[in-house]
Protein backbone atom coordinates (compact mmCIF):
# COMPACT_ATOMS: atom_id res chain seq x y z
CA UNK A 1 0.00 0.00 0.00
CA UNK A 2 1.35 3.42 -0.95
CA UNK A 3 2.15 5.90 1.82
CA UNK A 4 -0.11 8.95 1.97
CA UNK A 5 1.73 12.27 2.25
CA UNK A 6 -1.25 14.67 1.98
CA UNK A 7 -4.89 14.03 2.75
CA UNK A 8 -7.75 16.52 2.71
CA UNK A 9 -11.31 15.97 3.89
CA UNK A 10 -14.25 18.32 3.45
CA UNK A 11 -12.00 21.21 2.46
CA UNK A 12 -13.75 24.53 1.81
CA UNK A 13 -12.39 28.01 1.11
CA UNK A 14 -14.91 30.85 1.10
CA UNK A 15 -15.15 34.57 1.65
CA UNK A 16 -17.96 37.06 2.17
CA UNK A 17 -18.76 39.62 -0.50
CA UNK A 18 -21.42 41.86 0.97
CA UNK A 19 -24.32 39.60 1.84
CA UNK A 20 -23.11 36.88 -0.50
CA UNK A 21 -20.72 34.04 0.39
CA UNK A 22 -18.30 33.18 -2.41
CA UNK A 23 -16.99 29.61 -2.44
CA UNK A 24 -13.56 29.24 -4.04
CA UNK A 25 -13.16 25.58 -3.07
CA UNK A 26 -16.06 23.26 -2.27
CA UNK A 27 -15.75 20.05 -0.28
CA UNK A 28 -12.34 18.92 -1.60
CA UNK A 29 -11.45 15.34 -0.66
CA UNK A 30 -8.01 14.47 -1.97
CA UNK A 31 -5.22 11.98 -1.32
CA UNK A 32 -1.63 12.57 -2.45
CA UNK A 33 0.60 9.51 -2.26
CA UNK A 34 4.31 9.62 -1.56
CA UNK A 35 6.51 9.54 -4.66
CA UNK A 36 3.84 10.72 -7.09
CA UNK A 37 4.02 13.67 -9.48
CA UNK A 38 0.62 15.35 -9.33
CA UNK A 39 -0.52 18.00 -11.80
CA UNK A 40 -3.46 20.18 -10.79
CA UNK A 41 -5.10 21.74 -13.83
CA UNK A 42 -8.03 24.05 -14.33
CA UNK A 43 -9.09 27.32 -15.97
CA UNK A 44 -8.35 30.70 -14.40
CA UNK A 45 -10.48 31.19 -11.31
CA UNK A 46 -11.07 27.46 -10.82
CA UNK A 47 -9.39 27.45 -7.40
CA UNK A 48 -6.32 25.40 -8.34
CA UNK A 49 -3.72 27.81 -6.95
CA UNK A 50 -5.79 28.32 -3.81
CA UNK A 51 -5.79 24.55 -3.32
CA UNK A 52 -2.00 24.39 -3.65
CA UNK A 53 -1.54 27.21 -1.11
CA UNK A 54 -3.80 25.42 1.35
CA UNK A 55 -1.85 22.16 0.93
CA UNK A 56 1.37 24.05 1.69
CA UNK A 57 0.00 25.82 4.73
CA UNK A 58 0.37 29.21 3.03
CA UNK A 59 -3.35 29.88 3.44
CA UNK A 60 -6.06 28.65 5.81
CA UNK A 61 -9.24 26.87 4.74
CA UNK A 62 -12.64 28.02 5.91
CA UNK A 63 -13.37 24.50 7.08
CA UNK A 64 -12.13 20.96 6.65
CA UNK A 65 -9.04 18.92 7.37
CA UNK A 66 -5.54 18.95 5.81
CA UNK A 67 -3.01 16.38 6.96
CA UNK A 68 0.61 16.53 5.75
CA UNK A 69 2.85 13.64 6.78
CA UNK A 70 0.08 12.63 9.15
CA UNK A 71 0.02 16.01 10.91
CA UNK A 72 -3.14 18.12 10.95
CA UNK A 73 -2.34 21.63 9.72
CA UNK A 74 -5.47 23.14 11.24
CA UNK A 75 -4.35 22.37 14.80
CA UNK A 76 -0.73 23.46 14.38
CA UNK A 77 0.59 26.61 15.99
CA UNK A 78 2.09 29.17 13.60
CA UNK A 79 5.68 28.44 14.64
CA UNK A 80 5.20 24.69 14.31
CA UNK A 81 3.70 25.14 10.85
CA UNK A 82 6.57 27.43 9.77
CA UNK A 83 9.13 24.83 10.86
CA UNK A 84 7.29 22.12 8.93
CA UNK A 85 7.26 24.26 5.78
CA UNK A 86 11.01 24.91 6.05
CA UNK A 87 11.98 21.31 6.72
CA UNK A 88 9.35 19.10 5.11
CA UNK A 89 8.29 21.14 2.06
CA UNK A 90 9.93 22.94 -0.82
CA UNK A 91 8.20 25.70 -2.80
CA UNK A 92 8.70 26.76 -6.43
CA UNK A 93 6.82 29.82 -7.71
CA UNK A 94 6.12 31.20 -11.18
CA UNK A 95 8.22 34.32 -10.58
CA UNK A 96 11.02 32.50 -8.70
CA UNK A 97 10.87 34.60 -5.46
CA UNK A 98 14.66 34.94 -5.25
CA UNK A 99 16.42 37.55 -3.10
CA UNK A 100 17.90 39.93 -5.73
CA UNK A 101 21.04 40.96 -3.82
CA UNK A 102 22.02 37.40 -2.85
CA UNK A 103 24.12 35.14 -5.05
CA UNK A 104 22.93 31.85 -6.50
CA UNK A 105 24.50 29.83 -3.70
CA UNK A 106 23.24 32.22 -1.02
CA UNK A 107 19.68 31.95 -2.35
CA UNK A 108 19.93 28.16 -2.38
CA UNK A 109 21.23 28.08 1.20
CA UNK A 110 18.51 30.41 2.49
CA UNK A 111 16.31 27.66 4.03
CA UNK A 112 19.26 26.46 6.09
CA UNK A 113 20.03 29.97 7.27
CA UNK A 114 16.39 30.62 8.22
CA UNK A 115 16.31 27.33 10.14
CA UNK A 116 19.25 28.46 12.27
CA UNK A 117 21.56 25.69 11.11
CA UNK A 118 25.27 25.95 10.35
CA UNK A 119 25.87 26.58 6.66
CA UNK A 120 29.22 24.77 6.72
CA UNK A 121 27.41 21.50 7.49
CA UNK A 122 25.54 21.76 4.18
CA UNK A 123 28.38 22.58 1.78
CA UNK A 124 28.31 19.10 0.28
CA UNK A 125 24.57 19.32 -0.28
CA UNK A 126 25.05 22.72 -1.93
CA UNK A 127 27.62 21.33 -4.38
CA UNK A 128 25.32 18.42 -5.21
CA UNK A 129 22.40 20.72 -5.97
CA UNK A 130 24.44 23.20 -8.01
CA UNK A 131 25.56 20.30 -10.20
CA UNK A 132 22.05 18.86 -10.42
CA UNK A 133 20.55 22.12 -11.75
CA UNK A 134 23.59 22.96 -13.90
CA UNK A 135 24.60 26.19 -12.16
CA UNK A 136 27.99 25.40 -10.64
CA UNK A 137 29.71 27.91 -12.91
CA UNK A 138 27.20 30.62 -11.97
CA UNK A 139 27.22 30.15 -8.22
CA UNK A 140 28.44 33.71 -7.55
CA UNK A 141 25.98 35.36 -9.92
CA UNK A 142 22.98 37.32 -8.65
CA UNK A 143 19.46 36.74 -10.05
CA UNK A 144 19.64 39.85 -12.28
CA UNK A 145 22.59 38.21 -14.09
CA UNK A 146 20.61 35.07 -14.88
CA UNK A 147 17.99 34.12 -17.46
CA UNK A 148 14.47 33.21 -16.35
CA UNK A 149 15.22 29.51 -16.74
CA UNK A 150 18.37 29.80 -14.66
CA UNK A 151 16.49 31.67 -11.95
CA UNK A 152 13.90 28.90 -11.83
CA UNK A 153 16.71 26.36 -11.49
CA UNK A 154 17.97 28.30 -8.47
CA UNK A 155 14.46 28.20 -7.02
CA UNK A 156 14.26 24.44 -7.58
CA UNK A 157 17.64 23.90 -5.93
CA UNK A 158 16.52 26.06 -2.98
CA UNK A 159 13.35 23.97 -2.64
CA UNK A 160 15.52 20.84 -2.33
CA UNK A 161 18.10 22.27 0.08
CA UNK A 162 16.51 20.94 3.27
CA UNK A 163 15.90 17.59 1.54
CA UNK A 164 12.09 17.72 1.95
CA UNK A 165 9.92 14.87 0.73
CA UNK A 166 7.34 17.23 -0.81
CA UNK A 167 7.76 19.92 -3.50
CA UNK A 168 4.88 22.30 -4.29
CA UNK A 169 5.16 24.23 -7.55
CA UNK A 170 2.80 27.02 -8.66
CA UNK A 171 2.96 27.43 -12.48
CA UNK A 172 6.71 26.61 -12.52
CA UNK A 173 7.07 27.32 -16.25
CA UNK A 174 4.37 29.99 -16.57
CA UNK A 175 6.94 32.76 -17.07
CA UNK A 176 9.25 30.85 -19.44
CA UNK A 177 9.48 30.24 -23.18
CA UNK A 178 8.50 26.81 -24.47
CA UNK A 179 12.05 25.43 -24.88
CA UNK A 180 13.11 26.51 -21.41
CA UNK A 181 9.81 25.24 -20.02
CA UNK A 182 10.53 21.77 -21.38
CA UNK A 183 13.97 21.81 -19.73
CA UNK A 184 12.48 22.78 -16.37
CA UNK A 185 9.75 20.13 -16.57
CA UNK A 186 12.32 17.48 -17.47
CA UNK A 187 14.37 18.55 -14.44
CA UNK A 188 11.34 18.24 -12.15
CA UNK A 189 10.51 14.86 -13.64
CA UNK A 190 14.06 13.62 -12.96
CA UNK A 191 13.86 14.87 -9.38
CA UNK A 192 10.61 12.95 -8.96
CA UNK A 193 11.87 9.73 -10.52
CA UNK A 194 15.48 9.68 -9.29
CA UNK A 195 15.03 11.11 -5.80
CA UNK A 196 11.49 9.96 -5.10
CA UNK A 197 10.31 13.46 -4.23
CA UNK A 198 6.57 13.94 -4.22
CA UNK A 199 5.75 16.86 -6.52
CA UNK A 200 2.45 18.72 -6.72
CA UNK A 201 2.31 21.35 -9.45
CA UNK A 202 -0.38 23.75 -10.54
CA UNK A 203 -0.46 24.36 -14.27
CA UNK A 204 -2.77 25.62 -17.00
CA UNK A 205 -0.80 23.64 -19.61
CA UNK A 206 -1.71 20.09 -20.60
CA UNK A 207 1.83 19.67 -21.97
CA UNK A 208 3.25 20.52 -18.54
CA UNK A 209 0.73 18.25 -16.80
CA UNK A 210 1.81 15.37 -19.01
CA UNK A 211 5.13 15.13 -17.17
CA UNK A 212 3.32 13.93 -14.07
CA UNK A 213 1.97 10.58 -12.93
CA UNK A 214 -1.41 11.90 -11.78
CA UNK A 215 -3.78 14.53 -13.15
CA UNK A 216 -6.27 16.43 -11.01
CA UNK A 217 -8.68 18.70 -12.87
CA UNK A 218 -10.34 21.46 -10.83
CA UNK A 219 -13.43 23.24 -12.15
CA UNK A 220 -15.61 25.73 -10.31
CA UNK A 221 -13.90 24.93 -7.02
CA UNK A 222 -14.39 21.18 -7.22
CA UNK A 223 -12.38 18.23 -8.48
CA UNK A 224 -14.02 17.27 -11.75
CA UNK A 225 -11.55 14.61 -12.90
CA UNK A 226 -8.77 12.47 -11.44
CA UNK A 227 -6.55 10.37 -13.70
CA UNK A 228 -3.66 8.11 -12.84
CA UNK A 229 -0.99 6.65 -15.11
CA UNK A 230 1.88 4.22 -14.56
CA UNK A 231 4.65 6.56 -15.63
CA UNK A 232 3.20 9.60 -17.36
CA UNK A 233 -0.30 11.00 -17.65
CA UNK A 234 0.17 11.20 -21.43
CA UNK A 235 -0.04 7.39 -21.58
CA UNK A 236 -3.70 7.36 -20.56
CA UNK A 237 -5.16 10.36 -22.38
């Protein structure tokens, strides 16, 4: 039996607009298994990014349950949740979210610094990640000296620095050209297959979704379709 890394039950996200209650997500019941590569798709306004942010503890649901690694996010204190995000999760965003005046290696090491750990103990991990994302020669560059694809590689390396078992990616190639986007998706796919990292990405692109092992389609705040393939979603559609 596969190990469950994320489980949601009765998940709702709503807000009040005057006298009307707007439901962004409606009764989401979802299981994410360890080692899978999940692609969440849906049109603009469907609630897919909101769902990802809830899974990562970056936003709070109106009601329902979210368990990550067996821990209930809704009952966690803020500090406990922050520690879990730093150690057990990695985040990749569409616009990279790099610190502009830090170098490539300093941006990658940021999670270790924020966790109060000694940077010298992670030098070997840094070298491994720089090689994995192909940026060893650019380790002293700042983000403004890098292309968009290179910046996203820095963000991916940073997400892996603490060696989390879960990577959450919000439109990871949404700001890149098609060729660079393919390179980034192939990198994420290798990370999933070779390192066994569980990846959950939000995307509007079927081509991007095809790199995953599972497809979740969100429409009008609800899961309208769930597909599973042996190796790639493209094999079953």
